[in-house]
Protein backbone atom coordinates (compact mmCIF):
# COMPACT_ATOMS: atom_id res chain seq x y z
CA MET A 1 -110.15 -37.47 -39.54
CA THR A 2 -107.23 -36.43 -41.78
CA TYR A 3 -107.15 -38.16 -45.17
CA GLU A 4 -104.12 -40.38 -45.71
CA PRO A 5 -103.59 -41.10 -49.42
CA PRO A 6 -102.71 -44.68 -50.45
CA THR A 7 -99.59 -43.28 -52.09
CA ALA A 8 -98.07 -41.87 -48.87
CA LEU A 9 -94.41 -42.91 -48.83
CA PRO A 10 -93.29 -45.08 -45.91
CA ARG A 11 -91.21 -43.01 -43.50
CA ASP A 12 -88.20 -45.33 -43.75
CA LEU A 13 -88.22 -45.01 -47.56
CA LEU A 14 -88.53 -41.24 -47.33
CA ALA A 15 -85.41 -41.18 -45.14
CA THR A 16 -83.18 -43.14 -47.54
CA PRO A 17 -80.32 -41.24 -49.23
CA ALA A 18 -81.54 -42.28 -52.70
CA MET A 19 -85.01 -40.87 -52.10
CA ARG A 20 -83.71 -37.67 -50.47
CA LYS A 21 -81.33 -37.10 -53.39
CA ALA A 22 -84.12 -37.60 -55.94
CA LEU A 23 -86.47 -35.26 -54.08
CA GLU A 24 -83.83 -32.55 -53.78
CA ALA A 25 -83.19 -32.74 -57.54
CA HIS A 26 -86.93 -32.86 -58.34
CA ASP A 27 -86.16 -36.13 -60.13
CA PHE A 28 -89.70 -37.45 -59.83
CA GLY A 29 -89.10 -40.32 -62.25
CA THR A 30 -86.69 -41.81 -59.70
CA VAL A 31 -89.11 -40.94 -56.87
CA PHE A 32 -91.93 -42.86 -58.61
CA ARG A 33 -89.65 -45.80 -59.39
CA LEU A 34 -88.46 -46.04 -55.76
CA ALA A 35 -92.05 -45.72 -54.54
CA ARG A 36 -93.00 -48.78 -56.59
CA THR A 37 -89.92 -50.97 -56.11
CA ARG A 38 -89.27 -50.21 -52.44
CA GLY A 39 -92.63 -48.95 -51.26
CA GLY A 40 -94.97 -51.23 -53.18
CA ILE A 41 -96.98 -48.29 -54.54
CA SER A 42 -98.23 -48.88 -58.08
CA TYR A 43 -97.85 -46.37 -60.88
CA SER A 44 -101.61 -46.38 -61.39
CA LYS A 45 -102.17 -45.23 -57.80
CA ILE A 46 -99.52 -42.54 -58.17
CA ALA A 47 -101.15 -41.36 -61.40
CA ALA A 48 -104.59 -41.15 -59.79
CA GLU A 49 -103.46 -39.30 -56.68
CA CYS A 50 -101.10 -36.90 -58.52
CA ASP A 51 -103.55 -36.27 -61.37
CA ILE A 52 -100.96 -37.39 -63.92
CA LYS A 53 -101.74 -39.67 -66.85
CA PRO A 54 -100.60 -43.26 -66.11
CA GLU A 55 -98.46 -43.38 -69.25
CA ARG A 56 -96.79 -40.14 -68.17
CA VAL A 57 -95.87 -41.68 -64.80
CA GLY A 58 -94.34 -44.66 -66.58
CA THR A 59 -92.44 -42.41 -68.99
CA LEU A 60 -91.01 -40.39 -66.11
CA ALA A 61 -90.03 -43.54 -64.25
CA ARG A 62 -88.09 -44.67 -67.33
CA GLY A 63 -86.04 -41.50 -67.11
CA LYS A 64 -87.79 -39.56 -69.86
CA GLY A 65 -89.05 -36.04 -69.14
CA ARG A 66 -89.20 -33.82 -66.08
CA VAL A 67 -91.85 -32.31 -63.82
CA THR A 68 -91.16 -28.58 -63.65
CA SER A 69 -94.43 -26.76 -62.93
CA PHE A 70 -95.04 -25.47 -59.41
CA ASP A 71 -98.61 -26.77 -59.21
CA LYS A 72 -97.61 -30.32 -60.16
CA VAL A 73 -94.77 -30.35 -57.61
CA VAL A 74 -97.31 -29.36 -54.96
CA ALA A 75 -99.68 -32.14 -56.09
CA ILE A 76 -96.90 -34.75 -55.83
CA SER A 77 -95.91 -33.46 -52.38
CA ASP A 78 -99.47 -33.92 -51.16
CA ALA A 79 -100.06 -37.28 -52.83
CA LEU A 80 -96.84 -38.87 -51.61
CA ARG A 81 -96.90 -37.01 -48.29
CA VAL A 82 -93.47 -35.53 -48.87
CA PRO A 83 -92.83 -32.70 -46.37
CA GLY A 84 -92.62 -29.37 -48.13
CA HIS A 85 -89.08 -28.52 -47.06
CA LEU A 86 -87.73 -31.57 -48.93
CA LEU A 87 -89.00 -30.07 -52.20
CA GLY A 88 -88.33 -26.40 -51.54
CA LEU A 89 -91.95 -25.74 -50.55
CA ALA A 90 -93.48 -24.23 -47.45
CA SER A 91 -95.00 -26.69 -44.97
CA ARG A 92 -98.05 -28.34 -46.47
CA PRO A 93 -101.45 -28.03 -44.69
CA TRP A 94 -101.40 -31.70 -43.67
CA GLU A 95 -98.08 -31.08 -41.84
CA VAL A 96 -99.72 -28.55 -39.51
CA PRO A 97 -101.15 -30.05 -36.27
CA ALA A 98 -104.93 -29.91 -35.90
CA HIS A 99 -104.64 -27.37 -33.08
CA GLY A 100 -102.23 -25.19 -35.09
CA PRO A 101 -102.99 -21.92 -36.84
CA SER A 102 -105.52 -21.89 -39.67
CA THR A 103 -105.90 -19.60 -42.66
CA THR A 104 -108.99 -19.07 -44.73
CA ASP A 105 -107.45 -17.29 -47.72
CA ALA A 106 -106.43 -20.21 -49.97
CA GLU A 107 -105.14 -17.94 -52.71
CA ASN A 108 -102.76 -16.15 -50.34
CA ARG A 109 -101.47 -19.50 -49.07
CA SER A 110 -100.82 -20.62 -52.63
CA ASP A 111 -98.94 -17.40 -53.42
CA MET A 112 -96.90 -17.75 -50.23
CA ARG A 113 -95.98 -21.35 -51.09
CA ARG A 114 -94.98 -20.34 -54.60
CA ARG A 115 -92.72 -17.58 -53.26
CA THR A 116 -91.21 -19.94 -50.69
CA PHE A 117 -90.63 -22.55 -53.40
CA VAL A 118 -88.70 -20.07 -55.53
CA ARG A 119 -86.70 -18.72 -52.60
CA ALA A 120 -85.73 -22.20 -51.42
CA ALA A 121 -84.80 -23.33 -54.91
CA SER A 122 -82.43 -20.40 -55.34
CA GLY A 123 -80.84 -20.48 -51.88
CA LEU A 124 -82.02 -17.01 -50.98
CA ALA A 125 -82.08 -17.78 -47.29
CA ALA A 126 -78.32 -17.20 -47.24
CA ALA A 127 -78.38 -14.17 -49.51
CA LEU A 128 -77.86 -10.54 -48.55
CA PRO A 129 -81.12 -8.82 -47.52
CA VAL A 130 -81.98 -6.00 -49.90
CA ARG A 131 -82.83 -2.74 -48.13
CA THR A 132 -84.12 0.20 -50.11
CA THR A 133 -85.02 2.74 -47.44
CA PRO A 134 -83.65 6.15 -48.59
CA GLY A 135 -80.52 7.11 -46.70
CA ALA A 136 -80.62 3.96 -44.57
CA GLN A 137 -77.35 2.46 -45.68
CA ARG A 138 -73.89 3.04 -47.04
CA LEU A 139 -72.70 0.38 -49.45
CA GLY A 140 -69.20 -0.87 -50.12
CA PRO A 141 -67.38 -3.48 -52.24
CA ALA A 142 -68.53 -6.36 -50.02
CA ASP A 143 -72.17 -5.45 -50.65
CA VAL A 144 -71.59 -5.43 -54.40
CA GLU A 145 -70.01 -8.88 -54.27
CA ALA A 146 -72.88 -10.19 -52.12
CA LEU A 147 -75.39 -8.89 -54.66
CA ARG A 148 -73.42 -10.45 -57.48
CA ALA A 149 -73.35 -13.78 -55.65
CA ARG A 150 -77.09 -13.49 -55.06
CA ALA A 151 -77.64 -12.94 -58.78
CA ALA A 152 -75.55 -16.03 -59.52
CA ARG A 153 -77.65 -18.18 -57.19
CA LEU A 154 -80.87 -16.92 -58.71
CA ARG A 155 -79.56 -17.57 -62.21
CA ARG A 156 -79.60 -21.31 -61.43
CA LEU A 157 -83.40 -21.17 -61.52
CA ASP A 158 -83.29 -20.63 -65.27
CA ALA A 159 -81.81 -24.10 -65.76
CA VAL A 160 -84.98 -25.81 -64.50
CA LEU A 161 -87.78 -23.24 -64.67
CA GLY A 162 -89.21 -21.26 -67.56
CA GLY A 163 -89.56 -17.50 -67.75
CA GLY A 164 -93.21 -17.72 -66.73
CA ASP A 165 -92.03 -18.82 -63.28
CA THR A 166 -88.90 -16.67 -62.97
CA TYR A 167 -89.73 -13.34 -64.61
CA ARG A 168 -91.21 -11.67 -61.51
CA VAL A 169 -88.33 -12.92 -59.37
CA TYR A 170 -85.66 -11.52 -61.69
CA LEU A 171 -87.56 -8.30 -62.31
CA GLY A 172 -87.96 -7.78 -58.56
CA GLU A 173 -84.21 -8.21 -58.05
CA TYR A 174 -83.47 -5.68 -60.77
CA GLN A 175 -85.94 -3.15 -59.36
CA ALA A 176 -84.57 -3.58 -55.83
CA THR A 177 -80.99 -2.96 -56.97
CA LYS A 178 -82.14 -0.01 -59.06
CA ALA A 179 -83.66 1.50 -55.91
CA MET A 180 -80.39 0.93 -54.04
CA VAL A 181 -78.43 2.69 -56.78
CA ARG A 182 -80.83 5.61 -56.45
CA ASP A 183 -81.13 5.82 -52.67
CA ALA A 184 -77.99 4.47 -50.99
CA ALA A 185 -74.65 6.18 -50.33
CA TYR A 186 -71.47 4.73 -51.88
CA SER A 187 -68.14 5.62 -53.44
CA GLU A 188 -67.65 6.06 -57.17
CA ALA A 189 -66.01 2.64 -57.48
CA THR A 190 -68.85 0.97 -55.58
CA GLY A 191 -71.32 2.81 -57.78
CA ARG A 192 -69.75 1.31 -60.88
CA GLY A 193 -69.96 -2.12 -59.28
CA LEU A 194 -73.64 -1.62 -58.49
CA LEU A 195 -74.35 -0.53 -62.06
CA SER A 196 -72.55 -3.62 -63.32
CA VAL A 197 -74.77 -5.85 -61.16
CA LEU A 198 -77.79 -3.88 -62.33
CA ALA A 199 -76.85 -4.54 -65.97
CA GLU A 200 -76.46 -8.24 -65.20
CA GLN A 201 -79.86 -8.40 -63.47
CA ALA A 202 -81.58 -6.52 -66.31
CA GLN A 203 -80.26 -9.09 -68.77
CA GLN A 204 -81.55 -11.97 -66.68
CA ALA A 205 -84.97 -10.33 -66.30
CA GLY A 206 -85.01 -9.56 -70.03
CA TRP A 207 -84.23 -13.18 -70.86
CA ALA A 208 -87.08 -14.40 -68.62
CA ALA A 209 -89.41 -11.86 -70.25
CA PHE A 210 -88.43 -13.15 -73.69
CA ASP A 211 -88.86 -16.77 -72.56
CA SER A 212 -92.36 -16.07 -71.24
CA GLY A 213 -93.53 -14.19 -74.35
CA ARG A 214 -93.14 -10.63 -73.02
CA GLU A 215 -91.21 -9.43 -76.07
CA ALA A 216 -91.55 -5.67 -75.47
CA ASP A 217 -90.48 -6.00 -71.83
CA ALA A 218 -87.44 -7.97 -72.91
CA VAL A 219 -86.31 -5.32 -75.41
CA SER A 220 -86.77 -2.58 -72.81
CA LEU A 221 -84.74 -4.48 -70.21
CA TYR A 222 -81.93 -5.25 -72.66
CA LYS A 223 -81.69 -1.57 -73.52
CA GLU A 224 -81.66 -0.62 -69.84
CA SER A 225 -78.91 -3.17 -69.32
CA SER A 226 -76.91 -1.60 -72.14
CA THR A 227 -77.21 1.81 -70.50
CA ALA A 228 -76.20 0.52 -67.06
CA ALA A 229 -73.24 -1.41 -68.49
CA THR A 230 -72.05 1.68 -70.36
CA GLU A 231 -72.24 3.81 -67.20
CA ALA A 232 -70.42 1.09 -65.29
CA GLY A 233 -67.68 0.96 -67.91
CA ASP A 234 -68.30 -2.79 -68.30
CA ALA A 235 -67.62 -3.59 -71.97
CA ASP A 236 -68.33 -7.30 -71.55
CA LEU A 237 -71.83 -6.78 -70.16
CA PHE A 238 -72.46 -4.10 -72.78
CA GLY A 239 -71.57 -6.60 -75.51
CA ASN A 240 -73.78 -9.24 -73.93
CA SER A 241 -76.76 -6.88 -73.76
CA LEU A 242 -76.43 -6.42 -77.53
CA ALA A 243 -76.03 -10.18 -78.03
CA PHE A 244 -79.29 -10.76 -76.14
CA LEU A 245 -81.06 -8.15 -78.24
CA ALA A 246 -79.70 -9.63 -81.49
CA TYR A 247 -80.82 -13.12 -80.41
CA GLN A 248 -84.37 -11.86 -79.96
CA ARG A 249 -84.40 -9.80 -83.16
CA VAL A 250 -83.49 -12.85 -85.26
CA ALA A 251 -87.19 -13.75 -85.27
CA GLY A 252 -87.96 -10.43 -86.98
CA ASP A 253 -85.51 -8.27 -88.92
CA ARG A 254 -82.58 -10.64 -89.50
CA ARG A 255 -80.41 -7.99 -91.14
CA GLU A 256 -80.83 -5.78 -88.07
CA ALA A 257 -80.05 -8.76 -85.81
CA THR A 258 -76.78 -9.35 -87.67
CA ALA A 259 -75.83 -5.68 -87.35
CA ILE A 260 -76.51 -5.72 -83.60
CA ALA A 261 -74.56 -8.98 -83.17
CA THR A 262 -71.64 -7.41 -85.05
CA ARG A 263 -71.65 -4.49 -82.60
CA SER A 264 -71.68 -6.94 -79.68
CA CYS A 265 -68.50 -8.61 -80.97
CA GLU A 266 -66.88 -5.22 -81.48
CA ALA A 267 -67.17 -4.74 -77.70
CA ILE A 268 -64.62 -7.55 -77.16
CA THR A 269 -61.35 -6.26 -75.70
CA ALA A 270 -58.00 -7.81 -74.88
CA GLY A 271 -59.28 -8.37 -71.33
CA THR A 272 -62.56 -10.07 -72.28
CA PRO A 273 -62.75 -13.52 -70.63
CA THR A 274 -62.63 -16.52 -72.96
CA ARG A 275 -66.18 -17.71 -72.27
CA VAL A 276 -67.58 -14.25 -72.87
CA ARG A 277 -65.73 -14.17 -76.20
CA ALA A 278 -67.19 -17.55 -77.10
CA LEU A 279 -70.69 -16.43 -76.10
CA LEU A 280 -70.62 -13.28 -78.20
CA HIS A 281 -69.18 -15.09 -81.23
CA GLU A 282 -71.71 -17.93 -81.07
CA ARG A 283 -74.59 -15.44 -80.90
CA MET A 284 -73.02 -13.77 -83.93
CA ALA A 285 -72.97 -17.14 -85.69
CA TRP A 286 -76.67 -17.63 -84.98
CA ALA A 287 -77.59 -14.21 -86.36
CA CYS A 288 -75.55 -14.90 -89.51
CA ALA A 289 -77.13 -18.35 -89.98
CA ALA A 290 -80.62 -16.89 -89.64
CA ALA A 291 -79.68 -14.29 -92.27
CA GLY A 292 -78.48 -17.02 -94.63
CA LEU A 293 -74.77 -16.17 -94.47
CA PRO A 294 -72.83 -19.48 -94.38
CA ARG A 295 -69.28 -18.08 -94.61
CA GLU A 296 -69.87 -15.54 -91.87
CA THR A 297 -71.54 -18.24 -89.77
CA GLU A 298 -68.57 -20.58 -90.06
CA ARG A 299 -66.15 -17.76 -89.29
CA ALA A 300 -68.04 -16.85 -86.11
CA LEU A 301 -68.29 -20.49 -84.98
CA LEU A 302 -64.55 -20.88 -85.48
CA ALA A 303 -63.88 -17.73 -83.42
CA ALA A 304 -66.09 -19.11 -80.61
CA GLU A 305 -64.27 -22.45 -80.71
CA GLU A 306 -60.87 -20.75 -80.60
CA ALA A 307 -61.99 -18.71 -77.59
CA LEU A 308 -62.97 -21.85 -75.67
CA ASP A 309 -59.77 -23.63 -76.69
CA ALA A 310 -57.80 -20.76 -75.18
CA GLY A 311 -58.76 -22.10 -71.74
CA ASP A 312 -60.07 -20.55 -68.53
CA ASP A 313 -56.86 -19.13 -67.10
CA GLY A 314 -58.48 -15.87 -65.99
CA PRO A 315 -61.67 -15.31 -63.94
CA GLN A 316 -64.90 -16.01 -65.83
CA PRO A 317 -68.17 -14.21 -64.98
CA ASP A 318 -70.97 -16.44 -63.77
CA TRP A 319 -73.34 -15.16 -66.45
CA ALA A 320 -71.15 -16.79 -69.12
CA ALA A 321 -70.29 -19.96 -67.17
CA TRP A 322 -72.82 -22.09 -69.10
CA VAL A 323 -70.91 -21.68 -72.35
CA ASP A 324 -68.90 -24.87 -72.98
CA GLY A 325 -68.02 -27.24 -75.78
CA THR A 326 -71.39 -29.01 -75.70
CA GLU A 327 -73.31 -25.73 -75.94
CA LEU A 328 -71.10 -24.60 -78.81
CA ARG A 329 -71.64 -27.86 -80.70
CA ILE A 330 -75.39 -27.49 -80.23
CA MET A 331 -75.22 -23.95 -81.58
CA ALA A 332 -73.22 -25.20 -84.56
CA GLY A 333 -75.87 -27.83 -85.24
CA ARG A 334 -78.62 -25.25 -85.00
CA CYS A 335 -76.78 -22.98 -87.41
CA TRP A 336 -76.27 -25.72 -90.00
CA THR A 337 -79.93 -26.68 -89.68
CA GLU A 338 -80.95 -23.09 -90.27
CA LEU A 339 -78.69 -23.00 -93.35
CA GLY A 340 -80.23 -26.19 -94.74
CA ARG A 341 -77.15 -28.38 -94.19
CA PRO A 342 -78.60 -31.50 -92.49
CA LEU A 343 -75.56 -33.70 -93.20
CA ARG A 344 -73.50 -31.34 -91.03
CA ALA A 345 -76.24 -30.64 -88.49
CA VAL A 346 -77.53 -34.10 -87.57
CA PRO A 347 -74.27 -35.73 -86.35
CA VAL A 348 -73.30 -32.68 -84.33
CA LEU A 349 -76.71 -32.28 -82.67
CA THR A 350 -77.13 -36.01 -82.00
CA ALA A 351 -73.75 -36.30 -80.27
CA ALA A 352 -74.16 -33.10 -78.26
CA LEU A 353 -77.71 -33.82 -77.11
CA ALA A 354 -76.63 -37.26 -75.87
CA GLN A 355 -74.47 -35.40 -73.34
CA TYR A 356 -77.12 -32.80 -72.47
CA ASP A 357 -78.94 -33.48 -69.20
CA ASP A 358 -82.73 -33.77 -69.23
CA SER A 359 -82.92 -31.51 -66.19
CA HIS A 360 -82.46 -28.61 -68.65
CA ALA A 361 -85.87 -29.53 -70.03
CA ARG A 362 -86.77 -26.30 -71.84
CA ASP A 363 -83.45 -25.94 -73.60
CA LYS A 364 -83.19 -29.59 -74.58
CA ALA A 365 -86.73 -29.50 -75.98
CA LEU A 366 -85.76 -26.48 -78.07
CA TYR A 367 -82.56 -28.09 -79.33
CA LEU A 368 -84.44 -31.29 -80.25
CA SER A 369 -86.72 -29.17 -82.44
CA TRP A 370 -83.70 -28.24 -84.56
CA LEU A 371 -82.67 -31.88 -84.74
CA ALA A 372 -86.17 -32.73 -85.97
CA ASP A 373 -85.93 -29.91 -88.49
CA ALA A 374 -82.62 -31.26 -89.76
CA TYR A 375 -84.03 -34.78 -90.10
CA LEU A 376 -86.92 -33.42 -92.15
CA CYS A 377 -84.51 -31.55 -94.36
CA ALA A 378 -82.63 -34.83 -94.85
CA GLY A 379 -85.83 -36.69 -95.81
CA GLU A 380 -86.14 -38.68 -92.56
CA PRO A 381 -89.65 -37.91 -91.22
CA GLU A 382 -89.73 -40.92 -88.86
CA GLU A 383 -86.56 -39.74 -87.10
CA ALA A 384 -87.98 -36.24 -87.00
CA ALA A 385 -91.14 -37.56 -85.33
CA THR A 386 -89.04 -39.31 -82.67
CA ALA A 387 -87.19 -36.08 -81.90
CA VAL A 388 -90.46 -34.11 -81.71
CA ASP A 389 -92.00 -36.70 -79.39
CA ARG A 390 -89.04 -36.38 -77.05
CA ALA A 391 -89.23 -32.60 -77.20
CA LEU A 392 -92.93 -32.68 -76.27
CA ASP A 393 -92.09 -34.86 -73.26
CA LEU A 394 -89.47 -32.43 -72.02
CA ALA A 395 -91.51 -29.28 -72.69
CA SER A 396 -94.53 -30.56 -70.78
CA GLY A 397 -95.19 -28.27 -67.81
CA VAL A 398 -92.32 -25.86 -68.53
CA ALA A 399 -93.43 -22.23 -68.15
CA SER A 400 -91.93 -21.09 -71.46
CA VAL A 401 -93.65 -20.17 -74.71
CA ARG A 402 -90.61 -20.95 -76.82
CA PRO A 403 -90.60 -24.79 -77.13
CA ARG A 404 -94.13 -25.02 -78.50
CA ARG A 405 -93.64 -21.91 -80.63
CA ARG A 406 -90.49 -23.42 -82.10
CA LEU A 407 -92.16 -26.82 -82.66
CA GLU A 408 -95.17 -25.42 -84.56
CA PRO A 409 -93.47 -25.06 -87.97
CA VAL A 410 -91.79 -28.45 -87.52
CA LEU A 411 -95.17 -30.07 -86.83
CA SER A 412 -96.64 -28.34 -89.88
CA ARG A 413 -93.91 -29.84 -92.06
CA LEU A 414 -94.38 -33.23 -90.43
CA ALA A 415 -98.08 -33.13 -91.32
CA THR A 416 -97.21 -33.76 -94.96
CA HIS A 417 -96.01 -37.23 -93.87
CA ARG A 418 -99.12 -38.09 -91.86
CA GLY A 419 -99.42 -41.47 -93.57
CA LEU A 420 -96.41 -42.77 -91.62
CA ARG A 421 -97.40 -44.29 -88.29
CA PRO A 422 -94.72 -42.62 -86.07
CA VAL A 423 -95.62 -39.28 -87.62
CA SER A 424 -99.38 -39.71 -87.21
CA GLU A 425 -98.91 -40.68 -83.56
CA VAL A 426 -96.86 -37.62 -82.67
CA LEU A 427 -99.22 -35.35 -84.63
CA ALA A 428 -102.17 -36.76 -82.69
CA ARG A 429 -100.33 -36.20 -79.44
CA ALA A 430 -99.65 -32.59 -80.42
CA ASP A 431 -103.27 -32.09 -81.59
CA VAL A 432 -102.18 -31.26 -85.12
C-alpha cells in the first residue's frame, strides 16, 4: 500500500490560483500558510514530514526567509504531495502508477530530477537545442540571437539559486558554445556574435564559480571572457569582464583591484548603454571604497547615478538589466560602510533593503551583513544582531559560500557584546 502523508494537500486546495502561484514562485511560506488556514494541516505536521524545524516553518509562514535548496524542495513536494511539474521537478515516484516503469539506481534518478529542476526553472524547454557535431550546421544571425536569449533565461537562475547549484549549468553552456565556435560554419559577422555570446556566458560561469568558492576557476573564466570579448570587438563585455575580475580581487590585492576597475571604466565608449555605464562605475566605486579612497568612491558613485539618470532610451543588454536605483543605493551603502561612515550607510541601506525582495535571498543576506557592520560601527550592537539574524534566515539553504563568509567577521565583532540578550541569541544560533 502506498504511504499517504498526513500533510498531503487536498486536491481542491492544490488547484486554487493562490496555491498555484505560490508553488510556481517557490514561495513555501505562503504554501505552508494556505495549507494550515485552508487545508487544516498544522505547522507541526508540516515540519515533521518535511524535516524542517517547527520554528523555521513558522518563520517562513510569516514571510521571513526562503527555501532554495534542491533537496528541500523535493522533500516538500513529497510531504505535501505536490506533483513535480508544479515545482519544476520531474514526476515524483509516488506519481508513477504501480504498474509503471521502475528504476533501481536511486542516485541516477536524483541526478535526473536535479537536471530537470534546473531546466524547468530556466525555461530551457523552449530554448534552441545546442548541436556540436563537427560540420553538422551552418549558423546565422538568428542562431546567435537564440543563444543570447537562452543565456538571458538561464541568467534568471542566479536570482534564486547560488553558484553551487548553477555553476555546472553555466559552465556547460559556455563549453557548448565554445564547441560551436570551433566546429560550425558561419560568416565573419556571425562569428563575432558568437564570440560575444561566449564572453557573456564565460562571465556568468565565472560569477557562479566565484559564488561557490571556486576562485581559480572564476579568474580563468573572466580572463577567457576578456579574450572572447576582445575578439568580438565588444567593448562593453570587455569592460564588464574586468569589472568582474576587480570585484573578486577586492578580497586580496585592493590596489590591483582598483587598477583593474579603472581599466574597466576606460572601456566605456559613446555608445555604451546607460546601465552598463552605471554597472562599471559602481564596481569602480566598490574597489575604491575597499582601498580606502573616499573621494574616488564618491566620484564613481556619482558617475553611476548620472548614468542611470540619463534614462534607457537605447537598447540595454540583459546582463546589465539588474542595475537600477535600488541596487545603486545598496552599493552606496556598502561603500560607506567599508569606509567607516555609518551615519551615511545606515539610512541608505535601510531604505533600499526595504524595497529589496526576499526572493533574492543570497544577495539580500549579503547586503544585510553590511547593514549589520554599519550598525556595529555606529555602536548599535542590538540592531546589528537583528540584521545578522535576518541574514542567517535568508542564507539558510542557499548554495553560496559568500553569505556565511561575509558574516564571519561581523559575528566576531558581535561576540564582544555577548552580554546583550539579542546578541547572545544570534551568536548561539550561528554557533559562535
